Amino acid sequence: MNVQIEESWKNELKDEFSKEYFAGIVDFLKAEKALKKTIYPPGALIFNAFAQTPFDKVKVVIIGQDPYHGYGQAMGLSFSVPDGVPQPPSLQNIFKELHSDIGMPVPKTGNLTSWAKQGVLLLNASLTVRANEANSHSKIGWTIFTDAVIKKISDEKRGVVFLLWGRFAQEKATLIDVSKHHILKAAHPSPLSAHNGFFGCKHFSKANEFLIKEGLQPIDWMIV
């Protein structure tokens, strides 16, 4: 199957694209389209996380669960929204923690593309969602694919920092070789849980400390 994805990822994941489950994802999305269902993000942005962060550039992985399901929000990067779109509550809390951790002023934009371009893979476990229906595509096979992505990073790279926020993301820890990589765990930044350990976690400065120890360029988390 000729999937339109960034070339380094296409090479790393070619075996996944030939598997039956992935054909099932494609068939499901075609059926949704035939039923005139609105799917987010737009087709060209489904693999945006991979387009912005090639395999050899990955230094940090932030795992989200589901794309935003409101109009104009999802852009194929976990937690990120396009310029001009109001920041969702979880993203507001991420920025509050960044302000507390590294003194970053709260930005006007919620667009995290600058992180992605520096090597932060902003990976949602499901890469699509039906409009206004959270988790509506969570059972169509995407998690098999994104688990394979996490395992591929774990197997073939070294010194990557995984930020696992909330129980869902933390369940992915079983896919990561902790003898080669760094895992930071905290509560989810959602308003329902951020006060249970996300605020004060200092994951952004800690991630950079790990990267520096690995001899890698730290992430400039500042967004303007």
C-alpha atoms as a PDB file:
ATOM      1  CA  MET A   1       0.000   0.000   0.000  1.00  0.00           C
ATOM      2  CA  ASN A   2       1.453   3.372  -1.043  1.00  0.00           C
ATOM      3  CA  VAL A   3       0.821   5.496   2.045  1.00  0.00           C
ATOM      4  CA  GLN A   4       1.646   9.191   1.709  1.00  0.00           C
ATOM      5  CA  ILE A   5       3.970   9.615   4.672  1.00  0.00           C
ATOM      6  CA  GLU A   6       7.404  11.205   5.201  1.00  0.00           C
ATOM      7  CA  GLU A   7      10.070   9.095   3.503  1.00  0.00           C
ATOM      8  CA  SER A   8      12.121   8.012   6.541  1.00  0.00           C
ATOM      9  CA  TRP A   9       8.963   6.853   8.313  1.00  0.00           C
ATOM     10  CA  LYS A  10       7.757   5.143   5.146  1.00  0.00           C
ATOM     11  CA  ASN A  11      10.946   3.116   5.170  1.00  0.00           C
ATOM     12  CA  GLU A  12      10.747   2.304   8.905  1.00  0.00           C
ATOM     13  CA  LEU A  13       7.053   1.372   8.866  1.00  0.00           C
ATOM     14  CA  LYS A  14       6.748  -0.291   5.458  1.00  0.00           C
ATOM     15  CA  ASP A  15       5.886  -3.652   7.024  1.00  0.00           C
ATOM     16  CA  GLU A  16       2.932  -2.110   8.891  1.00  0.00           C
ATOM     17  CA  PHE A  17       1.424  -0.694   5.710  1.00  0.00           C
ATOM     18  CA  SER A  18       1.218  -4.167   4.195  1.00  0.00           C
ATOM     19  CA  LYS A  19      -0.632  -5.697   7.144  1.00  0.00           C
ATOM     20  CA  GLU A  20      -4.317  -6.567   7.158  1.00  0.00           C
ATOM     21  CA  TYR A  21      -5.187  -4.254  10.050  1.00  0.00           C
ATOM     22  CA  PHE A  22      -3.839  -1.226   8.167  1.00  0.00           C
ATOM     23  CA  ALA A  23      -5.918  -2.082   5.108  1.00  0.00           C
ATOM     24  CA  GLY A  24      -8.843  -2.198   7.549  1.00  0.00           C
ATOM     25  CA  ILE A  25      -8.109   1.354   8.696  1.00  0.00           C
ATOM     26  CA  VAL A  26      -8.065   2.575   5.102  1.00  0.00           C
ATOM     27  CA  ASP A  27     -11.332   0.761   4.309  1.00  0.00           C
ATOM     28  CA  PHE A  28     -12.988   2.192   7.429  1.00  0.00           C
ATOM     29  CA  LEU A  29     -11.984   5.764   6.549  1.00  0.00           C
ATOM     30  CA  LYS A  30     -13.208   5.313   2.976  1.00  0.00           C
ATOM     31  CA  ALA A  31     -16.548   4.056   4.341  1.00  0.00           C
ATOM     32  CA  GLU A  32     -16.821   7.071   6.671  1.00  0.00           C
ATOM     33  CA  LYS A  33     -16.188   9.357   3.708  1.00  0.00           C
ATOM     34  CA  ALA A  34     -18.834   7.559   1.658  1.00  0.00           C
ATOM     35  CA  LEU A  35     -21.286   8.171   4.503  1.00  0.00           C
ATOM     36  CA  LYS A  36     -20.414  11.897   4.372  1.00  0.00           C
ATOM     37  CA  LYS A  37     -18.954  11.792   7.866  1.00  0.00           C
ATOM     38  CA  THR A  38     -16.629  14.653   8.779  1.00  0.00           C
ATOM     39  CA  ILE A  39     -13.219  13.342   9.857  1.00  0.00           C
ATOM     40  CA  TYR A  40     -10.509  15.261  11.686  1.00  0.00           C
ATOM     41  CA  PRO A  41      -7.790  16.140  10.994  1.00  0.00           C
ATOM     42  CA  PRO A  42      -8.090  16.782   7.242  1.00  0.00           C
ATOM     43  CA  GLY A  43      -6.593  13.989   5.149  1.00  0.00           C
ATOM     44  CA  ALA A  44      -3.398  15.881   4.335  1.00  0.00           C
ATOM     45  CA  LEU A  45      -2.661  16.273   8.076  1.00  0.00           C
ATOM     46  CA  ILE A  46      -3.334  12.718   9.299  1.00  0.00           C
ATOM     47  CA  PHE A  47       0.403  11.950   9.225  1.00  0.00           C
ATOM     48  CA  ASN A  48       1.520  15.492  10.068  1.00  0.00           C
ATOM     49  CA  ALA A  49       3.453  14.385  13.181  1.00  0.00           C
ATOM     50  CA  PHE A  50       5.620  12.210  10.943  1.00  0.00           C
ATOM     51  CA  ALA A  51       6.013  14.914   8.289  1.00  0.00           C
ATOM     52  CA  GLN A  52       7.248  17.443  10.853  1.00  0.00           C
ATOM     53  CA  THR A  53       9.518  15.031  12.773  1.00  0.00           C
ATOM     54  CA  PRO A  54      11.418  12.540  10.567  1.00  0.00           C
ATOM     55  CA  PHE A  55      12.505   9.295  12.222  1.00  0.00           C
ATOM     56  CA  ASP A  56      16.165  10.249  12.544  1.00  0.00           C
ATOM     57  CA  LYS A  57      15.222  13.558  14.237  1.00  0.00           C
ATOM     58  CA  VAL A  58      13.088  12.103  17.065  1.00  0.00           C
ATOM     59  CA  LYS A  59      14.433  13.109  20.488  1.00  0.00           C
ATOM     60  CA  VAL A  60      11.261  13.448  22.583  1.00  0.00           C
ATOM     61  CA  VAL A  61       7.873  11.703  22.268  1.00  0.00           C
ATOM     62  CA  ILE A  62       4.676  13.167  23.729  1.00  0.00           C
ATOM     63  CA  ILE A  63       1.770  10.719  23.503  1.00  0.00           C
ATOM     64  CA  GLY A  64      -1.809  11.936  23.252  1.00  0.00           C
ATOM     65  CA  GLN A  65      -4.929   9.804  23.021  1.00  0.00           C
ATOM     66  CA  ASP A  66      -7.204  11.220  20.355  1.00  0.00           C
ATOM     67  CA  PRO A  67      -7.230  14.147  17.914  1.00  0.00           C
ATOM     68  CA  TYR A  68      -9.365  17.118  18.888  1.00  0.00           C
ATOM     69  CA  HIS A  69     -12.867  16.550  17.534  1.00  0.00           C
ATOM     70  CA  GLY A  70     -14.009  20.186  17.282  1.00  0.00           C
ATOM     71  CA  TYR A  71     -14.055  22.178  14.052  1.00  0.00           C
ATOM     72  CA  GLY A  72     -10.643  23.463  12.983  1.00  0.00           C
ATOM     73  CA  GLN A  73      -8.747  22.149  16.026  1.00  0.00           C
ATOM     74  CA  ALA A  74      -6.990  18.951  14.930  1.00  0.00           C
ATOM     75  CA  MET A  75      -3.757  19.371  12.957  1.00  0.00           C
ATOM     76  CA  GLY A  76      -2.160  15.933  13.308  1.00  0.00           C
ATOM     77  CA  LEU A  77       0.056  16.917  16.261  1.00  0.00           C
ATOM     78  CA  SER A  78      -0.959  15.805  19.763  1.00  0.00           C
ATOM     79  CA  PHE A  79      -2.200  18.684  21.964  1.00  0.00           C
ATOM     80  CA  SER A  80      -1.516  21.261  19.204  1.00  0.00           C
ATOM     81  CA  VAL A  81      -4.035  23.532  17.477  1.00  0.00           C
ATOM     82  CA  PRO A  82      -3.505  25.789  14.434  1.00  0.00           C
ATOM     83  CA  ASP A  83      -2.735  29.480  14.770  1.00  0.00           C
ATOM     84  CA  GLY A  84      -5.862  31.475  15.577  1.00  0.00           C
ATOM     85  CA  VAL A  85      -7.710  28.566  17.206  1.00  0.00           C
ATOM     86  CA  PRO A  86      -8.442  28.966  20.949  1.00  0.00           C
ATOM     87  CA  GLN A  87      -6.230  26.815  23.161  1.00  0.00           C
ATOM     88  CA  PRO A  88      -8.087  23.781  24.589  1.00  0.00           C
ATOM     89  CA  PRO A  89      -7.965  23.367  28.390  1.00  0.00           C
ATOM     90  CA  SER A  90      -5.251  20.661  28.417  1.00  0.00           C
ATOM     91  CA  LEU A  91      -2.986  22.811  26.255  1.00  0.00           C
ATOM     92  CA  GLN A  92      -3.603  25.805  28.516  1.00  0.00           C
ATOM     93  CA  ASN A  93      -2.399  23.678  31.425  1.00  0.00           C
ATOM     94  CA  ILE A  94       0.687  22.559  29.482  1.00  0.00           C
ATOM     95  CA  PHE A  95       1.548  26.226  28.978  1.00  0.00           C
ATOM     96  CA  LYS A  96       0.942  26.965  32.681  1.00  0.00           C
ATOM     97  CA  GLU A  97       3.420  24.225  33.583  1.00  0.00           C
ATOM     98  CA  LEU A  98       5.920  25.576  31.057  1.00  0.00           C
ATOM     99  CA  HIS A  99       5.597  28.996  32.655  1.00  0.00           C
ATOM    100  CA  SER A 100       6.182  27.488  36.104  1.00  0.00           C
ATOM    101  CA  ASP A 101       9.008  25.213  34.935  1.00  0.00           C
ATOM    102  CA  ILE A 102      11.075  27.402  32.613  1.00  0.00           C
ATOM    103  CA  GLY A 103       9.420  30.829  32.857  1.00  0.00           C
ATOM    104  CA  MET A 104       7.919  30.708  29.371  1.00  0.00           C
ATOM    105  CA  PRO A 105       5.319  33.465  28.911  1.00  0.00           C
ATOM    106  CA  VAL A 106       1.941  31.985  27.992  1.00  0.00           C
ATOM    107  CA  PRO A 107       1.815  32.260  24.179  1.00  0.00           C
ATOM    108  CA  LYS A 108      -1.070  33.541  22.105  1.00  0.00           C
ATOM    109  CA  THR A 109      -0.885  30.553  19.742  1.00  0.00           C
ATOM    110  CA  GLY A 110      -1.430  26.887  20.533  1.00  0.00           C
ATOM    111  CA  ASN A 111       0.551  25.747  17.490  1.00  0.00           C
ATOM    112  CA  LEU A 112       3.321  23.363  18.586  1.00  0.00           C
ATOM    113  CA  THR A 113       4.910  22.890  15.156  1.00  0.00           C
ATOM    114  CA  SER A 114       8.133  24.521  16.387  1.00  0.00           C
ATOM    115  CA  TRP A 115       8.530  21.669  18.889  1.00  0.00           C
ATOM    116  CA  ALA A 116       7.904  19.062  16.196  1.00  0.00           C
ATOM    117  CA  LYS A 117      10.549  20.578  13.929  1.00  0.00           C
ATOM    118  CA  GLN A 118      13.108  20.248  16.743  1.00  0.00           C
ATOM    119  CA  GLY A 119      12.487  16.528  17.250  1.00  0.00           C
ATOM    120  CA  VAL A 120       9.419  16.331  19.489  1.00  0.00           C
ATOM    121  CA  LEU A 121       7.146  13.645  18.028  1.00  0.00           C
ATOM    122  CA  LEU A 122       3.617  14.765  18.950  1.00  0.00           C
ATOM    123  CA  LEU A 123       1.920  11.403  18.532  1.00  0.00           C
ATOM    124  CA  ASN A 124      -1.747  10.676  19.117  1.00  0.00           C
ATOM    125  CA  ALA A 125      -2.600   7.013  19.691  1.00  0.00           C
ATOM    126  CA  SER A 126      -5.466   7.409  17.208  1.00  0.00           C
ATOM    127  CA  LEU A 127      -4.699   9.496  14.145  1.00  0.00           C
ATOM    128  CA  THR A 128      -8.294  10.309  13.163  1.00  0.00           C
ATOM    129  CA  VAL A 129     -11.633  11.011  14.824  1.00  0.00           C
ATOM    130  CA  ARG A 130     -15.199  11.665  13.711  1.00  0.00           C
ATOM    131  CA  ALA A 131     -16.348  15.261  14.217  1.00  0.00           C
ATOM    132  CA  ASN A 132     -17.787  15.875  17.689  1.00  0.00           C
ATOM    133  CA  GLU A 133     -17.369  12.225  18.733  1.00  0.00           C
ATOM    134  CA  ALA A 134     -14.379  11.680  21.016  1.00  0.00           C
ATOM    135  CA  ASN A 135     -12.590   8.322  20.641  1.00  0.00           C
ATOM    136  CA  SER A 136     -14.835   7.381  17.714  1.00  0.00           C
ATOM    137  CA  HIS A 137     -11.885   5.897  15.782  1.00  0.00           C
ATOM    138  CA  SER A 138     -10.030   4.427  18.752  1.00  0.00           C
ATOM    139  CA  LYS A 139     -10.987   0.849  17.870  1.00  0.00           C
ATOM    140  CA  ILE A 140     -10.317   0.831  14.114  1.00  0.00           C
ATOM    141  CA  GLY A 141      -6.666  -0.229  14.316  1.00  0.00           C
ATOM    142  CA  TRP A 142      -4.809   3.015  14.859  1.00  0.00           C
ATOM    143  CA  THR A 143      -3.457   1.943  18.245  1.00  0.00           C
ATOM    144  CA  ILE A 144      -1.842  -1.124  16.648  1.00  0.00           C
ATOM    145  CA  PHE A 145      -0.089   1.223  14.235  1.00  0.00           C
ATOM    146  CA  THR A 146       1.004   3.818  16.789  1.00  0.00           C
ATOM    147  CA  ASP A 147       2.156   1.108  19.221  1.00  0.00           C
ATOM    148  CA  ALA A 148       4.359  -0.153  16.379  1.00  0.00           C
ATOM    149  CA  VAL A 149       5.707   3.397  15.965  1.00  0.00           C
ATOM    150  CA  ILE A 150       6.622   3.601  19.661  1.00  0.00           C
ATOM    151  CA  LYS A 151       8.256   0.172  19.583  1.00  0.00           C
ATOM    152  CA  LYS A 152      10.202   1.057  16.438  1.00  0.00           C
ATOM    153  CA  ILE A 153      11.590   4.168  18.138  1.00  0.00           C
ATOM    154  CA  SER A 154      12.453   2.137  21.233  1.00  0.00           C
ATOM    155  CA  ASP A 155      14.136  -0.651  19.259  1.00  0.00           C
ATOM    156  CA  GLU A 156      16.127   1.405  16.775  1.00  0.00           C
ATOM    157  CA  LYS A 157      17.009   4.605  18.600  1.00  0.00           C
ATOM    158  CA  ARG A 158      18.733   5.460  21.877  1.00  0.00           C
ATOM    159  CA  GLY A 159      18.316   8.204  24.455  1.00  0.00           C
ATOM    160  CA  VAL A 160      14.791   9.293  23.499  1.00  0.00           C
ATOM    161  CA  VAL A 161      12.729  10.968  26.234  1.00  0.00           C
ATOM    162  CA  PHE A 162       9.107   9.762  26.469  1.00  0.00           C
ATOM    163  CA  LEU A 163       6.654  12.052  28.263  1.00  0.00           C
ATOM    164  CA  LEU A 164       3.748   9.883  29.424  1.00  0.00           C
ATOM    165  CA  TRP A 165       0.887  11.969  30.785  1.00  0.00           C
ATOM    166  CA  GLY A 166      -2.080  10.126  32.255  1.00  0.00           C
ATOM    167  CA  ARG A 167      -2.912   6.455  32.578  1.00  0.00           C
ATOM    168  CA  PHE A 168      -3.546   5.887  28.875  1.00  0.00           C
ATOM    169  CA  ALA A 169      -0.108   7.160  27.852  1.00  0.00           C
ATOM    170  CA  GLN A 170       1.597   5.418  30.764  1.00  0.00           C
ATOM    171  CA  GLU A 171       0.300   2.056  29.563  1.00  0.00           C
ATOM    172  CA  LYS A 172       2.624   2.527  26.558  1.00  0.00           C
ATOM    173  CA  ALA A 173       5.641   2.208  28.872  1.00  0.00           C
ATOM    174  CA  THR A 174       5.639  -1.560  28.254  1.00  0.00           C
ATOM    175  CA  LEU A 175       6.693  -0.837  24.651  1.00  0.00           C
ATOM    176  CA  ILE A 176       9.779   1.156  25.685  1.00  0.00           C
ATOM    177  CA  ASP A 177      13.205  -0.260  26.577  1.00  0.00           C
ATOM    178  CA  VAL A 178      14.106   1.685  29.719  1.00  0.00           C
ATOM    179  CA  SER A 179      17.703   0.497  29.530  1.00  0.00           C
ATOM    180  CA  LYS A 180      18.121   2.743  26.441  1.00  0.00           C
ATOM    181  CA  HIS A 181      15.530   5.482  26.913  1.00  0.00           C
ATOM    182  CA  HIS A 182      14.127   7.872  29.509  1.00  0.00           C
ATOM    183  CA  ILE A 183      10.496   7.856  30.680  1.00  0.00           C
ATOM    184  CA  LEU A 184       8.870  10.723  32.570  1.00  0.00           C
ATOM    185  CA  LYS A 185       5.382  10.087  33.977  1.00  0.00           C
ATOM    186  CA  ALA A 186       2.815  12.541  35.308  1.00  0.00           C
ATOM    187  CA  ALA A 187      -0.930  13.054  35.512  1.00  0.00           C
ATOM    188  CA  HIS A 188      -2.725  14.156  32.358  1.00  0.00           C
ATOM    189  CA  PRO A 189      -2.832  17.946  31.814  1.00  0.00           C
ATOM    190  CA  SER A 190      -6.631  17.849  31.601  1.00  0.00           C
ATOM    191  CA  PRO A 191      -8.374  20.156  34.109  1.00  0.00           C
ATOM    192  CA  LEU A 192      -9.798  16.963  35.668  1.00  0.00           C
ATOM    193  CA  SER A 193      -6.358  15.668  36.657  1.00  0.00           C
ATOM    194  CA  ALA A 194      -3.661  18.336  36.223  1.00  0.00           C
ATOM    195  CA  HIS A 195      -3.649  19.131  39.963  1.00  0.00           C
ATOM    196  CA  ASN A 196      -2.893  15.458  40.722  1.00  0.00           C
ATOM    197  CA  GLY A 197       0.714  15.682  39.579  1.00  0.00           C
ATOM    198  CA  PHE A 198       0.959  17.364  36.206  1.00  0.00           C
ATOM    199  CA  PHE A 199       1.459  20.795  37.704  1.00  0.00           C
ATOM    200  CA  GLY A 200       4.932  20.839  39.170  1.00  0.00           C
ATOM    201  CA  CYS A 201       6.217  17.832  37.214  1.00  0.00           C
ATOM    202  CA  LYS A 202       8.889  19.964  35.481  1.00  0.00           C
ATOM    203  CA  HIS A 203       8.977  17.541  32.557  1.00  0.00           C
ATOM    204  CA  PHE A 204      10.213  20.149  30.110  1.00  0.00           C
ATOM    205  CA  SER A 205      13.378  21.056  31.993  1.00  0.00           C
ATOM    206  CA  LYS A 206      13.913  17.403  32.979  1.00  0.00           C
ATOM    207  CA  ALA A 207      13.611  16.290  29.346  1.00  0.00           C
ATOM    208  CA  ASN A 208      16.309  18.776  28.385  1.00  0.00           C
ATOM    209  CA  GLU A 209      18.560  17.546  31.191  1.00  0.00           C
ATOM    210  CA  PHE A 210      18.293  14.019  29.771  1.00  0.00           C
ATOM    211  CA  LEU A 211      18.996  15.228  26.228  1.00  0.00           C
ATOM    212  CA  ILE A 212      22.083  17.144  27.344  1.00  0.00           C
ATOM    213  CA  LYS A 213      23.355  14.018  29.142  1.00  0.00           C
ATOM    214  CA  GLU A 214      22.902  12.143  25.863  1.00  0.00           C
ATOM    215  CA  GLY A 215      24.985  14.781  24.087  1.00  0.00           C
ATOM    216  CA  LEU A 216      21.945  16.083  22.197  1.00  0.00           C
ATOM    217  CA  GLN A 217      20.713  19.615  21.596  1.00  0.00           C
ATOM    218  CA  PRO A 218      17.978  20.469  24.137  1.00  0.00           C
ATOM    219  CA  ILE A 219      14.525  21.523  22.983  1.00  0.00           C
ATOM    220  CA  ASP A 220      13.719  25.223  22.865  1.00  0.00           C
ATOM    221  CA  TRP A 221      10.233  25.007  24.389  1.00  0.00           C
ATOM    222  CA  MET A 222       9.572  28.736  24.008  1.00  0.00           C
ATOM    223  CA  ILE A 223       6.624  29.559  21.756  1.00  0.00           C
ATOM    224  CA  VAL A 224       6.054  33.109  20.622  1.00  0.00           C
END
